[in-house]
Amino acid sequence: MNGALKAAWGLVAFVVAAGLVLWLVTGEVVFAVFIVLGVLTGLGAWLTGRSTTPKRGPTP
């Protein structure tokens, strides 16, 4: 897993947790948008992370 992918997963965790906490504390449903955006970011990270192949040395 490369650095960009790790950062994306960290962002996903932060945004989803923030949305959930703020939704529970304030009772405002608008914070569900944070959860949706976090899930979409995670989906994007998962899809792009799967498309990368490990770098190998030159073939003879």
PDB file of N, CA and C in Angstrom:
ATOM      1  N   MET A   1       0.858  -1.166   0.000  1.00  0.00           N
ATOM      2  CA  MET A   1       0.000   0.000   0.000  1.00  0.00           C
ATOM      3  C   MET A   1       0.907   1.233   0.000  1.00  0.00           C
ATOM      4  N   ASN A   2       0.676   2.137  -0.948  1.00  0.00           N
ATOM      5  CA  ASN A   2       1.518   3.318  -1.042  1.00  0.00           C
ATOM      6  C   ASN A   2       1.017   4.440  -0.131  1.00  0.00           C
ATOM      7  N   GLY A   3       1.788   5.511  -0.055  1.00  0.00           N
ATOM      8  CA  GLY A   3       1.467   6.615   0.847  1.00  0.00           C
ATOM      9  C   GLY A   3       0.157   7.305   0.524  1.00  0.00           C
ATOM     10  N   ALA A   4      -0.122   7.479  -0.759  1.00  0.00           N
ATOM     11  CA  ALA A   4      -1.366   8.147  -1.151  1.00  0.00           C
ATOM     12  C   ALA A   4      -2.583   7.321  -0.749  1.00  0.00           C
ATOM     13  N   LEU A   5      -2.476   6.022  -0.889  1.00  0.00           N
ATOM     14  CA  LEU A   5      -3.589   5.157  -0.514  1.00  0.00           C
ATOM     15  C   LEU A   5      -3.789   5.154   0.997  1.00  0.00           C
ATOM     16  N   LYS A   6      -2.698   5.159   1.753  1.00  0.00           N
ATOM     17  CA  LYS A   6      -2.802   5.244   3.216  1.00  0.00           C
ATOM     18  C   LYS A   6      -3.456   6.556   3.633  1.00  0.00           C
ATOM     19  N   ALA A   7      -3.082   7.643   2.968  1.00  0.00           N
ATOM     20  CA  ALA A   7      -3.676   8.943   3.279  1.00  0.00           C
ATOM     21  C   ALA A   7      -5.171   8.948   2.957  1.00  0.00           C
ATOM     22  N   ALA A   8      -5.552   8.311   1.878  1.00  0.00           N
ATOM     23  CA  ALA A   8      -6.966   8.250   1.507  1.00  0.00           C
ATOM     24  C   ALA A   8      -7.760   7.479   2.554  1.00  0.00           C
ATOM     25  N   TRP A   9      -7.216   6.363   3.034  1.00  0.00           N
ATOM     26  CA  TRP A   9      -7.924   5.596   4.064  1.00  0.00           C
ATOM     27  C   TRP A   9      -7.993   6.364   5.373  1.00  0.00           C
ATOM     28  N   GLY A  10      -6.945   7.125   5.686  1.00  0.00           N
ATOM     29  CA  GLY A  10      -6.983   7.969   6.881  1.00  0.00           C
ATOM     30  C   GLY A  10      -8.051   9.039   6.760  1.00  0.00           C
ATOM     31  N   LEU A  11      -8.172   9.625   5.574  1.00  0.00           N
ATOM     32  CA  LEU A  11      -9.201  10.631   5.326  1.00  0.00           C
ATOM     33  C   LEU A  11     -10.586  10.012   5.438  1.00  0.00           C
ATOM     34  N   VAL A  12     -10.755   8.826   4.930  1.00  0.00           N
ATOM     35  CA  VAL A  12     -12.043   8.134   5.030  1.00  0.00           C
ATOM     36  C   VAL A  12     -12.428   7.951   6.489  1.00  0.00           C
ATOM     37  N   ALA A  13     -11.507   7.439   7.282  1.00  0.00           N
ATOM     38  CA  ALA A  13     -11.801   7.197   8.700  1.00  0.00           C
ATOM     39  C   ALA A  13     -12.148   8.495   9.415  1.00  0.00           C
ATOM     40  N   PHE A  14     -11.387   9.556   9.141  1.00  0.00           N
ATOM     41  CA  PHE A  14     -11.631  10.837   9.804  1.00  0.00           C
ATOM     42  C   PHE A  14     -12.994  11.421   9.419  1.00  0.00           C
ATOM     43  N   VAL A  15     -13.302  11.437   8.139  1.00  0.00           N
ATOM     44  CA  VAL A  15     -14.549  12.050   7.670  1.00  0.00           C
ATOM     45  C   VAL A  15     -15.764  11.272   8.168  1.00  0.00           C
ATOM     46  N   VAL A  16     -15.703   9.954   8.104  1.00  0.00           N
ATOM     47  CA  VAL A  16     -16.835   9.147   8.574  1.00  0.00           C
ATOM     48  C   VAL A  16     -17.011   9.310  10.082  1.00  0.00           C
ATOM     49  N   ALA A  17     -15.918   9.266  10.842  1.00  0.00           N
ATOM     50  CA  ALA A  17     -16.013   9.425  12.300  1.00  0.00           C
ATOM     51  C   ALA A  17     -16.528  10.816  12.657  1.00  0.00           C
ATOM     52  N   ALA A  18     -16.030  11.840  11.986  1.00  0.00           N
ATOM     53  CA  ALA A  18     -16.493  13.205  12.262  1.00  0.00           C
ATOM     54  C   ALA A  18     -17.978  13.346  11.947  1.00  0.00           C
ATOM     55  N   GLY A  19     -18.391  12.809  10.821  1.00  0.00           N
ATOM     56  CA  GLY A  19     -19.804  12.875  10.453  1.00  0.00           C
ATOM     57  C   GLY A  19     -20.688  12.160  11.443  1.00  0.00           C
ATOM     58  N   LEU A  20     -20.266  10.987  11.883  1.00  0.00           N
ATOM     59  CA  LEU A  20     -21.055  10.220  12.836  1.00  0.00           C
ATOM     60  C   LEU A  20     -21.142  10.929  14.183  1.00  0.00           C
ATOM     61  N   VAL A  21     -20.005  11.415  14.679  1.00  0.00           N
ATOM     62  CA  VAL A  21     -19.997  12.103  15.971  1.00  0.00           C
ATOM     63  C   VAL A  21     -20.838  13.376  15.919  1.00  0.00           C
ATOM     64  N   LEU A  22     -20.645  14.172  14.872  1.00  0.00           N
ATOM     65  CA  LEU A  22     -21.405  15.422  14.772  1.00  0.00           C
ATOM     66  C   LEU A  22     -22.900  15.164  14.600  1.00  0.00           C
ATOM     67  N   TRP A  23     -23.242  14.113  13.873  1.00  0.00           N
ATOM     68  CA  TRP A  23     -24.655  13.770  13.703  1.00  0.00           C
ATOM     69  C   TRP A  23     -25.263  13.369  15.046  1.00  0.00           C
ATOM     70  N   LEU A  24     -24.544  12.544  15.812  1.00  0.00           N
ATOM     71  CA  LEU A  24     -25.060  12.113  17.105  1.00  0.00           C
ATOM     72  C   LEU A  24     -25.128  13.248  18.119  1.00  0.00           C
ATOM     73  N   VAL A  25     -24.136  14.134  18.104  1.00  0.00           N
ATOM     74  CA  VAL A  25     -24.087  15.221  19.085  1.00  0.00           C
ATOM     75  C   VAL A  25     -25.127  16.299  18.779  1.00  0.00           C
ATOM     76  N   THR A  26     -25.235  16.686  17.507  1.00  0.00           N
ATOM     77  CA  THR A  26     -26.128  17.789  17.159  1.00  0.00           C
ATOM     78  C   THR A  26     -27.525  17.332  16.770  1.00  0.00           C
ATOM     79  N   GLY A  27     -27.641  16.105  16.287  1.00  0.00           N
ATOM     80  CA  GLY A  27     -28.933  15.619  15.828  1.00  0.00           C
ATOM     81  C   GLY A  27     -29.303  16.119  14.440  1.00  0.00           C
ATOM     82  N   GLU A  28     -28.388  16.842  13.793  1.00  0.00           N
ATOM     83  CA  GLU A  28     -28.645  17.361  12.453  1.00  0.00           C
ATOM     84  C   GLU A  28     -28.336  16.288  11.410  1.00  0.00           C
ATOM     85  N   VAL A  29     -29.287  15.984  10.566  1.00  0.00           N
ATOM     86  CA  VAL A  29     -29.134  14.938   9.567  1.00  0.00           C
ATOM     87  C   VAL A  29     -28.148  15.348   8.472  1.00  0.00           C
ATOM     88  N   VAL A  30     -27.877  16.635   8.355  1.00  0.00           N
ATOM     89  CA  VAL A  30     -26.984  17.112   7.308  1.00  0.00           C
ATOM     90  C   VAL A  30     -25.584  16.495   7.437  1.00  0.00           C
ATOM     91  N   PHE A  31     -25.193  16.059   8.619  1.00  0.00           N
ATOM     92  CA  PHE A  31     -23.879  15.458   8.808  1.00  0.00           C
ATOM     93  C   PHE A  31     -23.789  14.053   8.211  1.00  0.00           C
ATOM     94  N   ALA A  32     -24.905  13.512   7.766  1.00  0.00           N
ATOM     95  CA  ALA A  32     -24.884  12.243   7.042  1.00  0.00           C
ATOM     96  C   ALA A  32     -24.131  12.408   5.726  1.00  0.00           C
ATOM     97  N   VAL A  33     -24.054  13.634   5.224  1.00  0.00           N
ATOM     98  CA  VAL A  33     -23.297  13.909   3.995  1.00  0.00           C
ATOM     99  C   VAL A  33     -21.830  13.554   4.211  1.00  0.00           C
ATOM    100  N   PHE A  34     -21.297  13.811   5.402  1.00  0.00           N
ATOM    101  CA  PHE A  34     -19.917  13.454   5.704  1.00  0.00           C
ATOM    102  C   PHE A  34     -19.716  11.949   5.560  1.00  0.00           C
ATOM    103  N   ILE A  35     -20.662  11.185   6.059  1.00  0.00           N
ATOM    104  CA  ILE A  35     -20.551   9.726   5.993  1.00  0.00           C
ATOM    105  C   ILE A  35     -20.593   9.268   4.537  1.00  0.00           C
ATOM    106  N   VAL A  36     -21.496   9.831   3.762  1.00  0.00           N
ATOM    107  CA  VAL A  36     -21.603   9.467   2.345  1.00  0.00           C
ATOM    108  C   VAL A  36     -20.318   9.825   1.603  1.00  0.00           C
ATOM    109  N   LEU A  37     -19.782  11.029   1.848  1.00  0.00           N
ATOM    110  CA  LEU A  37     -18.547  11.433   1.184  1.00  0.00           C
ATOM    111  C   LEU A  37     -17.371  10.554   1.617  1.00  0.00           C
ATOM    112  N   GLY A  38     -17.345  10.162   2.872  1.00  0.00           N
ATOM    113  CA  GLY A  38     -16.291   9.267   3.343  1.00  0.00           C
ATOM    114  C   GLY A  38     -16.358   7.914   2.656  1.00  0.00           C
ATOM    115  N   VAL A  39     -17.560   7.394   2.512  1.00  0.00           N
ATOM    116  CA  VAL A  39     -17.729   6.098   1.844  1.00  0.00           C
ATOM    117  C   VAL A  39     -17.328   6.206   0.369  1.00  0.00           C
ATOM    118  N   LEU A  40     -17.697   7.294  -0.275  1.00  0.00           N
ATOM    119  CA  LEU A  40     -17.313   7.474  -1.679  1.00  0.00           C
ATOM    120  C   LEU A  40     -15.803   7.610  -1.829  1.00  0.00           C
ATOM    121  N   THR A  41     -15.166   8.298  -0.895  1.00  0.00           N
ATOM    122  CA  THR A  41     -13.707   8.416  -0.923  1.00  0.00           C
ATOM    123  C   THR A  41     -13.065   7.047  -0.733  1.00  0.00           C
ATOM    124  N   GLY A  42     -13.586   6.254   0.188  1.00  0.00           N
ATOM    125  CA  GLY A  42     -13.072   4.906   0.413  1.00  0.00           C
ATOM    126  C   GLY A  42     -13.253   4.020  -0.806  1.00  0.00           C
ATOM    127  N   LEU A  43     -14.397   4.148  -1.450  1.00  0.00           N
ATOM    128  CA  LEU A  43     -14.640   3.368  -2.659  1.00  0.00           C
ATOM    129  C   LEU A  43     -13.650   3.750  -3.757  1.00  0.00           C
ATOM    130  N   GLY A  44     -13.408   5.037  -3.894  1.00  0.00           N
ATOM    131  CA  GLY A  44     -12.435   5.493  -4.885  1.00  0.00           C
ATOM    132  C   GLY A  44     -11.031   5.005  -4.568  1.00  0.00           C
ATOM    133  N   ALA A  45     -10.662   5.037  -3.290  1.00  0.00           N
ATOM    134  CA  ALA A  45      -9.338   4.555  -2.880  1.00  0.00           C
ATOM    135  C   ALA A  45      -9.211   3.060  -3.138  1.00  0.00           C
ATOM    136  N   TRP A  46     -10.262   2.324  -2.866  1.00  0.00           N
ATOM    137  CA  TRP A  46     -10.220   0.875  -3.071  1.00  0.00           C
ATOM    138  C   TRP A  46     -10.100   0.546  -4.557  1.00  0.00           C
ATOM    139  N   LEU A  47     -10.880   1.246  -5.382  1.00  0.00           N
ATOM    140  CA  LEU A  47     -10.838   0.974  -6.821  1.00  0.00           C
ATOM    141  C   LEU A  47      -9.495   1.357  -7.436  1.00  0.00           C
ATOM    142  N   THR A  48      -8.958   2.498  -7.070  1.00  0.00           N
ATOM    143  CA  THR A  48      -7.686   2.915  -7.643  1.00  0.00           C
ATOM    144  C   THR A  48      -6.531   2.135  -7.045  1.00  0.00           C
ATOM    145  N   GLY A  49      -6.652   1.710  -5.819  1.00  0.00           N
ATOM    146  CA  GLY A  49      -5.597   0.918  -5.194  1.00  0.00           C
ATOM    147  C   GLY A  49      -5.477  -0.460  -5.805  1.00  0.00           C
ATOM    148  N   ARG A  50      -6.583  -1.001  -6.253  1.00  0.00           N
ATOM    149  CA  ARG A  50      -6.565  -2.326  -6.877  1.00  0.00           C
ATOM    150  C   ARG A  50      -6.006  -2.272  -8.288  1.00  0.00           C
ATOM    151  N   SER A  51      -6.030  -1.096  -8.907  1.00  0.00           N
ATOM    152  CA  SER A  51      -5.577  -1.006 -10.290  1.00  0.00           C
ATOM    153  C   SER A  51      -4.060  -0.880 -10.401  1.00  0.00           C
ATOM    154  N   THR A  52      -3.387  -0.627  -9.289  1.00  0.00           N
ATOM    155  CA  THR A  52      -1.930  -0.506  -9.339  1.00  0.00           C
ATOM    156  C   THR A  52      -1.297  -1.877  -9.200  1.00  0.00           C
ATOM    157  N   THR A  53      -0.243  -2.095  -9.937  1.00  0.00           N
ATOM    158  CA  THR A  53       0.473  -3.363  -9.857  1.00  0.00           C
ATOM    159  C   THR A  53       1.823  -3.119  -9.205  1.00  0.00           C
ATOM    160  N   PRO A  54       2.345  -4.106  -8.502  1.00  0.00           N
ATOM    161  CA  PRO A  54       3.652  -3.925  -7.877  1.00  0.00           C
ATOM    162  C   PRO A  54       4.733  -3.721  -8.932  1.00  0.00           C
ATOM    163  N   LYS A  55       5.685  -2.864  -8.617  1.00  0.00           N
ATOM    164  CA  LYS A  55       6.764  -2.606  -9.556  1.00  0.00           C
ATOM    165  C   LYS A  55       7.763  -3.761  -9.504  1.00  0.00           C
ATOM    166  N   ARG A  56       8.149  -4.216 -10.653  1.00  0.00           N
ATOM    167  CA  ARG A  56       9.114  -5.307 -10.756  1.00  0.00           C
ATOM    168  C   ARG A  56      10.328  -4.813 -11.525  1.00  0.00           C
ATOM    169  N   GLY A  57      11.375  -5.530 -11.387  1.00  0.00           N
ATOM    170  CA  GLY A  57      12.591  -5.178 -12.099  1.00  0.00           C
ATOM    171  C   GLY A  57      12.430  -5.389 -13.591  1.00  0.00           C
ATOM    172  N   PRO A  58      13.409  -4.949 -14.359  1.00  0.00           N
ATOM    173  CA  PRO A  58      13.326  -5.126 -15.811  1.00  0.00           C
ATOM    174  C   PRO A  58      13.393  -6.605 -16.195  1.00  0.00           C
ATOM    175  N   THR A  59      12.671  -6.938 -17.238  1.00  0.00           N
ATOM    176  CA  THR A  59      12.698  -8.324 -17.705  1.00  0.00           C
ATOM    177  C   THR A  59      13.876  -8.512 -18.647  1.00  0.00           C
ATOM    178  N   PRO A  60      14.501  -9.676 -18.615  1.00  0.00           N
ATOM    179  CA  PRO A  60      15.680  -9.906 -19.470  1.00  0.00           C
ATOM    180  C   PRO A  60      15.349  -9.988 -20.941  1.00  0.00           C
TER     181      PRO A  60
END
